[in-house]
Amino acid sequence: MFEQNVGDGANLFVIIVAVIVGFVAAIGYLDFKKTTKNQSKED
C-alpha cells in the first residue's frame, strides 16, 4: 500500500531529531517554570 521512498537511516534520523527537539522543549519549559517561581519569591 505505502512505498518507502527513503531508506531506514532517514527514518531513524527523523526519530532522533524529534526526540532531541522534545527534550529541548521540556528543558526550556522546566527552566521557564523555575524562573517564574524564583521571580515571584523576590516580589
PDB file of N, CA and C in Angstrom:
ATOM      1  N   MET A   1       0.825  -1.195   0.000  1.00  0.00           N
ATOM      2  CA  MET A   1       0.000   0.000   0.000  1.00  0.00           C
ATOM      3  C   MET A   1       0.867   1.257   0.000  1.00  0.00           C
ATOM      4  N   PHE A   2       1.779   1.358   0.957  1.00  0.00           N
ATOM      5  CA  PHE A   2       2.674   2.506   1.004  1.00  0.00           C
ATOM      6  C   PHE A   2       4.069   2.070   0.570  1.00  0.00           C
ATOM      7  N   GLU A   3       4.661   2.823  -0.322  1.00  0.00           N
ATOM      8  CA  GLU A   3       6.021   2.528  -0.744  1.00  0.00           C
ATOM      9  C   GLU A   3       6.974   3.494  -0.058  1.00  0.00           C
ATOM     10  N   GLN A   4       8.043   2.954   0.478  1.00  0.00           N
ATOM     11  CA  GLN A   4       9.009   3.772   1.200  1.00  0.00           C
ATOM     12  C   GLN A   4       9.994   4.392   0.206  1.00  0.00           C
ATOM     13  N   ASN A   5      10.027   5.727   0.169  1.00  0.00           N
ATOM     14  CA  ASN A   5      10.893   6.419  -0.786  1.00  0.00           C
ATOM     15  C   ASN A   5      12.274   6.688  -0.223  1.00  0.00           C
ATOM     16  N   VAL A   6      12.416   6.654   1.094  1.00  0.00           N
ATOM     17  CA  VAL A   6      13.714   6.908   1.721  1.00  0.00           C
ATOM     18  C   VAL A   6      14.153   5.656   2.468  1.00  0.00           C
ATOM     19  N   GLY A   7      15.435   5.604   2.791  1.00  0.00           N
ATOM     20  CA  GLY A   7      15.969   4.437   3.483  1.00  0.00           C
ATOM     21  C   GLY A   7      15.640   4.440   4.961  1.00  0.00           C
ATOM     22  N   ASP A   8      15.973   3.327   5.619  1.00  0.00           N
ATOM     23  CA  ASP A   8      15.721   3.209   7.056  1.00  0.00           C
ATOM     24  C   ASP A   8      16.533   4.219   7.857  1.00  0.00           C
ATOM     25  N   GLY A   9      17.694   4.581   7.369  1.00  0.00           N
ATOM     26  CA  GLY A   9      18.527   5.536   8.082  1.00  0.00           C
ATOM     27  C   GLY A   9      17.867   6.895   8.199  1.00  0.00           C
ATOM     28  N   ALA A  10      17.111   7.296   7.181  1.00  0.00           N
ATOM     29  CA  ALA A  10      16.429   8.586   7.219  1.00  0.00           C
ATOM     30  C   ALA A  10      15.321   8.574   8.266  1.00  0.00           C
ATOM     31  N   ASN A  11      14.612   7.468   8.379  1.00  0.00           N
ATOM     32  CA  ASN A  11      13.564   7.376   9.403  1.00  0.00           C
ATOM     33  C   ASN A  11      14.165   7.451  10.795  1.00  0.00           C
ATOM     34  N   LEU A  12      15.269   6.771  11.004  1.00  0.00           N
ATOM     35  CA  LEU A  12      15.942   6.822  12.291  1.00  0.00           C
ATOM     36  C   LEU A  12      16.404   8.236  12.598  1.00  0.00           C
ATOM     37  N   PHE A  13      16.920   8.936  11.603  1.00  0.00           N
ATOM     38  CA  PHE A  13      17.367  10.314  11.792  1.00  0.00           C
ATOM     39  C   PHE A  13      16.198  11.209  12.197  1.00  0.00           C
ATOM     40  N   VAL A  14      15.053  11.062  11.558  1.00  0.00           N
ATOM     41  CA  VAL A  14      13.882  11.869  11.895  1.00  0.00           C
ATOM     42  C   VAL A  14      13.426  11.585  13.320  1.00  0.00           C
ATOM     43  N   ILE A  15      13.448  10.330  13.735  1.00  0.00           N
ATOM     44  CA  ILE A  15      13.055   9.978  15.099  1.00  0.00           C
ATOM     45  C   ILE A  15      14.015  10.605  16.109  1.00  0.00           C
ATOM     46  N   ILE A  16      15.316  10.537  15.844  1.00  0.00           N
ATOM     47  CA  ILE A  16      16.310  11.109  16.753  1.00  0.00           C
ATOM     48  C   ILE A  16      16.128  12.617  16.854  1.00  0.00           C
ATOM     49  N   VAL A  17      15.913  13.277  15.728  1.00  0.00           N
ATOM     50  CA  VAL A  17      15.704  14.729  15.752  1.00  0.00           C
ATOM     51  C   VAL A  17      14.441  15.072  16.541  1.00  0.00           C
ATOM     52  N   ALA A  18      13.372  14.311  16.374  1.00  0.00           N
ATOM     53  CA  ALA A  18      12.126  14.575  17.103  1.00  0.00           C
ATOM     54  C   ALA A  18      12.331  14.410  18.607  1.00  0.00           C
ATOM     55  N   VAL A  19      13.085  13.395  19.012  1.00  0.00           N
ATOM     56  CA  VAL A  19      13.356  13.182  20.437  1.00  0.00           C
ATOM     57  C   VAL A  19      14.188  14.335  21.005  1.00  0.00           C
ATOM     58  N   ILE A  20      15.192  14.780  20.254  1.00  0.00           N
ATOM     59  CA  ILE A  20      16.036  15.886  20.714  1.00  0.00           C
ATOM     60  C   ILE A  20      15.219  17.162  20.840  1.00  0.00           C
ATOM     61  N   VAL A  21      14.362  17.444  19.863  1.00  0.00           N
ATOM     62  CA  VAL A  21      13.527  18.644  19.926  1.00  0.00           C
ATOM     63  C   VAL A  21      12.581  18.570  21.129  1.00  0.00           C
ATOM     64  N   GLY A  22      12.003  17.424  21.376  1.00  0.00           N
ATOM     65  CA  GLY A  22      11.133  17.264  22.543  1.00  0.00           C
ATOM     66  C   GLY A  22      11.879  17.451  23.843  1.00  0.00           C
ATOM     67  N   PHE A  23      13.103  16.934  23.919  1.00  0.00           N
ATOM     68  CA  PHE A  23      13.913  17.080  25.127  1.00  0.00           C
ATOM     69  C   PHE A  23      14.257  18.545  25.367  1.00  0.00           C
ATOM     70  N   VAL A  24      14.650  19.259  24.315  1.00  0.00           N
ATOM     71  CA  VAL A  24      14.981  20.676  24.448  1.00  0.00           C
ATOM     72  C   VAL A  24      13.748  21.479  24.867  1.00  0.00           C
ATOM     73  N   ALA A  25      12.593  21.147  24.314  1.00  0.00           N
ATOM     74  CA  ALA A  25      11.363  21.842  24.687  1.00  0.00           C
ATOM     75  C   ALA A  25      11.027  21.590  26.158  1.00  0.00           C
ATOM     76  N   ALA A  26      11.219  20.369  26.626  1.00  0.00           N
ATOM     77  CA  ALA A  26      10.940  20.051  28.030  1.00  0.00           C
ATOM     78  C   ALA A  26      11.894  20.799  28.960  1.00  0.00           C
ATOM     79  N   ILE A  27      13.175  20.857  28.615  1.00  0.00           N
ATOM     80  CA  ILE A  27      14.148  21.585  29.431  1.00  0.00           C
ATOM     81  C   ILE A  27      13.797  23.071  29.460  1.00  0.00           C
ATOM     82  N   GLY A  28      13.417  23.629  28.322  1.00  0.00           N
ATOM     83  CA  GLY A  28      13.026  25.034  28.269  1.00  0.00           C
ATOM     84  C   GLY A  28      11.798  25.312  29.108  1.00  0.00           C
ATOM     85  N   TYR A  29      10.831  24.411  29.088  1.00  0.00           N
ATOM     86  CA  TYR A  29       9.619  24.583  29.887  1.00  0.00           C
ATOM     87  C   TYR A  29       9.931  24.530  31.378  1.00  0.00           C
ATOM     88  N   LEU A  30      10.766  23.576  31.788  1.00  0.00           N
ATOM     89  CA  LEU A  30      11.123  23.481  33.201  1.00  0.00           C
ATOM     90  C   LEU A  30      11.906  24.712  33.651  1.00  0.00           C
ATOM     91  N   ASP A  31      12.793  25.209  32.801  1.00  0.00           N
ATOM     92  CA  ASP A  31      13.549  26.413  33.130  1.00  0.00           C
ATOM     93  C   ASP A  31      12.620  27.611  33.245  1.00  0.00           C
ATOM     94  N   PHE A  32      11.633  27.700  32.370  1.00  0.00           N
ATOM     95  CA  PHE A  32      10.654  28.788  32.421  1.00  0.00           C
ATOM     96  C   PHE A  32       9.872  28.745  33.734  1.00  0.00           C
ATOM     97  N   LYS A  33       9.431  27.551  34.134  1.00  0.00           N
ATOM     98  CA  LYS A  33       8.677  27.428  35.387  1.00  0.00           C
ATOM     99  C   LYS A  33       9.538  27.795  36.586  1.00  0.00           C
ATOM    100  N   LYS A  34      10.806  27.344  36.582  1.00  0.00           N
ATOM    101  CA  LYS A  34      11.704  27.651  37.696  1.00  0.00           C
ATOM    102  C   LYS A  34      11.973  29.147  37.769  1.00  0.00           C
ATOM    103  N   THR A  35      12.151  29.785  36.615  1.00  0.00           N
ATOM    104  CA  THR A  35      12.424  31.212  36.581  1.00  0.00           C
ATOM    105  C   THR A  35      11.226  32.008  37.100  1.00  0.00           C
ATOM    106  N   THR A  36      10.024  31.643  36.688  1.00  0.00           N
ATOM    107  CA  THR A  36       8.844  32.386  37.147  1.00  0.00           C
ATOM    108  C   THR A  36       8.614  32.173  38.643  1.00  0.00           C
ATOM    109  N   LYS A  37       8.952  30.976  39.148  1.00  0.00           N
ATOM    110  CA  LYS A  37       8.778  30.721  40.576  1.00  0.00           C
ATOM    111  C   LYS A  37       9.770  31.558  41.391  1.00  0.00           C
ATOM    112  N   ASN A  38      11.010  31.674  40.888  1.00  0.00           N
ATOM    113  CA  ASN A  38      12.016  32.474  41.579  1.00  0.00           C
ATOM    114  C   ASN A  38      11.670  33.960  41.545  1.00  0.00           C
ATOM    115  N   GLN A  39      11.107  34.433  40.452  1.00  0.00           N
ATOM    116  CA  GLN A  39      10.732  35.844  40.357  1.00  0.00           C
ATOM    117  C   GLN A  39       9.588  36.163  41.309  1.00  0.00           C
ATOM    118  N   SER A  40       8.643  35.248  41.483  1.00  0.00           N
ATOM    119  CA  SER A  40       7.523  35.514  42.378  1.00  0.00           C
ATOM    120  C   SER A  40       7.979  35.526  43.837  1.00  0.00           C
ATOM    121  N   LYS A  41       9.046  34.771  44.172  1.00  0.00           N
ATOM    122  CA  LYS A  41       9.582  34.808  45.526  1.00  0.00           C
ATOM    123  C   LYS A  41      10.239  36.156  45.827  1.00  0.00           C
ATOM    124  N   GLU A  42      10.883  36.752  44.807  1.00  0.00           N
ATOM    125  CA  GLU A  42      11.587  38.014  45.011  1.00  0.00           C
ATOM    126  C   GLU A  42      10.623  39.171  45.218  1.00  0.00           C
ATOM    127  N   ASP A  43       9.434  39.099  44.646  1.00  0.00           N
ATOM    128  CA  ASP A  43       8.468  40.215  44.759  1.00  0.00           C
ATOM    129  C   ASP A  43       7.828  40.315  46.108  1.00  0.00           C
TER     130      ASP A  43
END
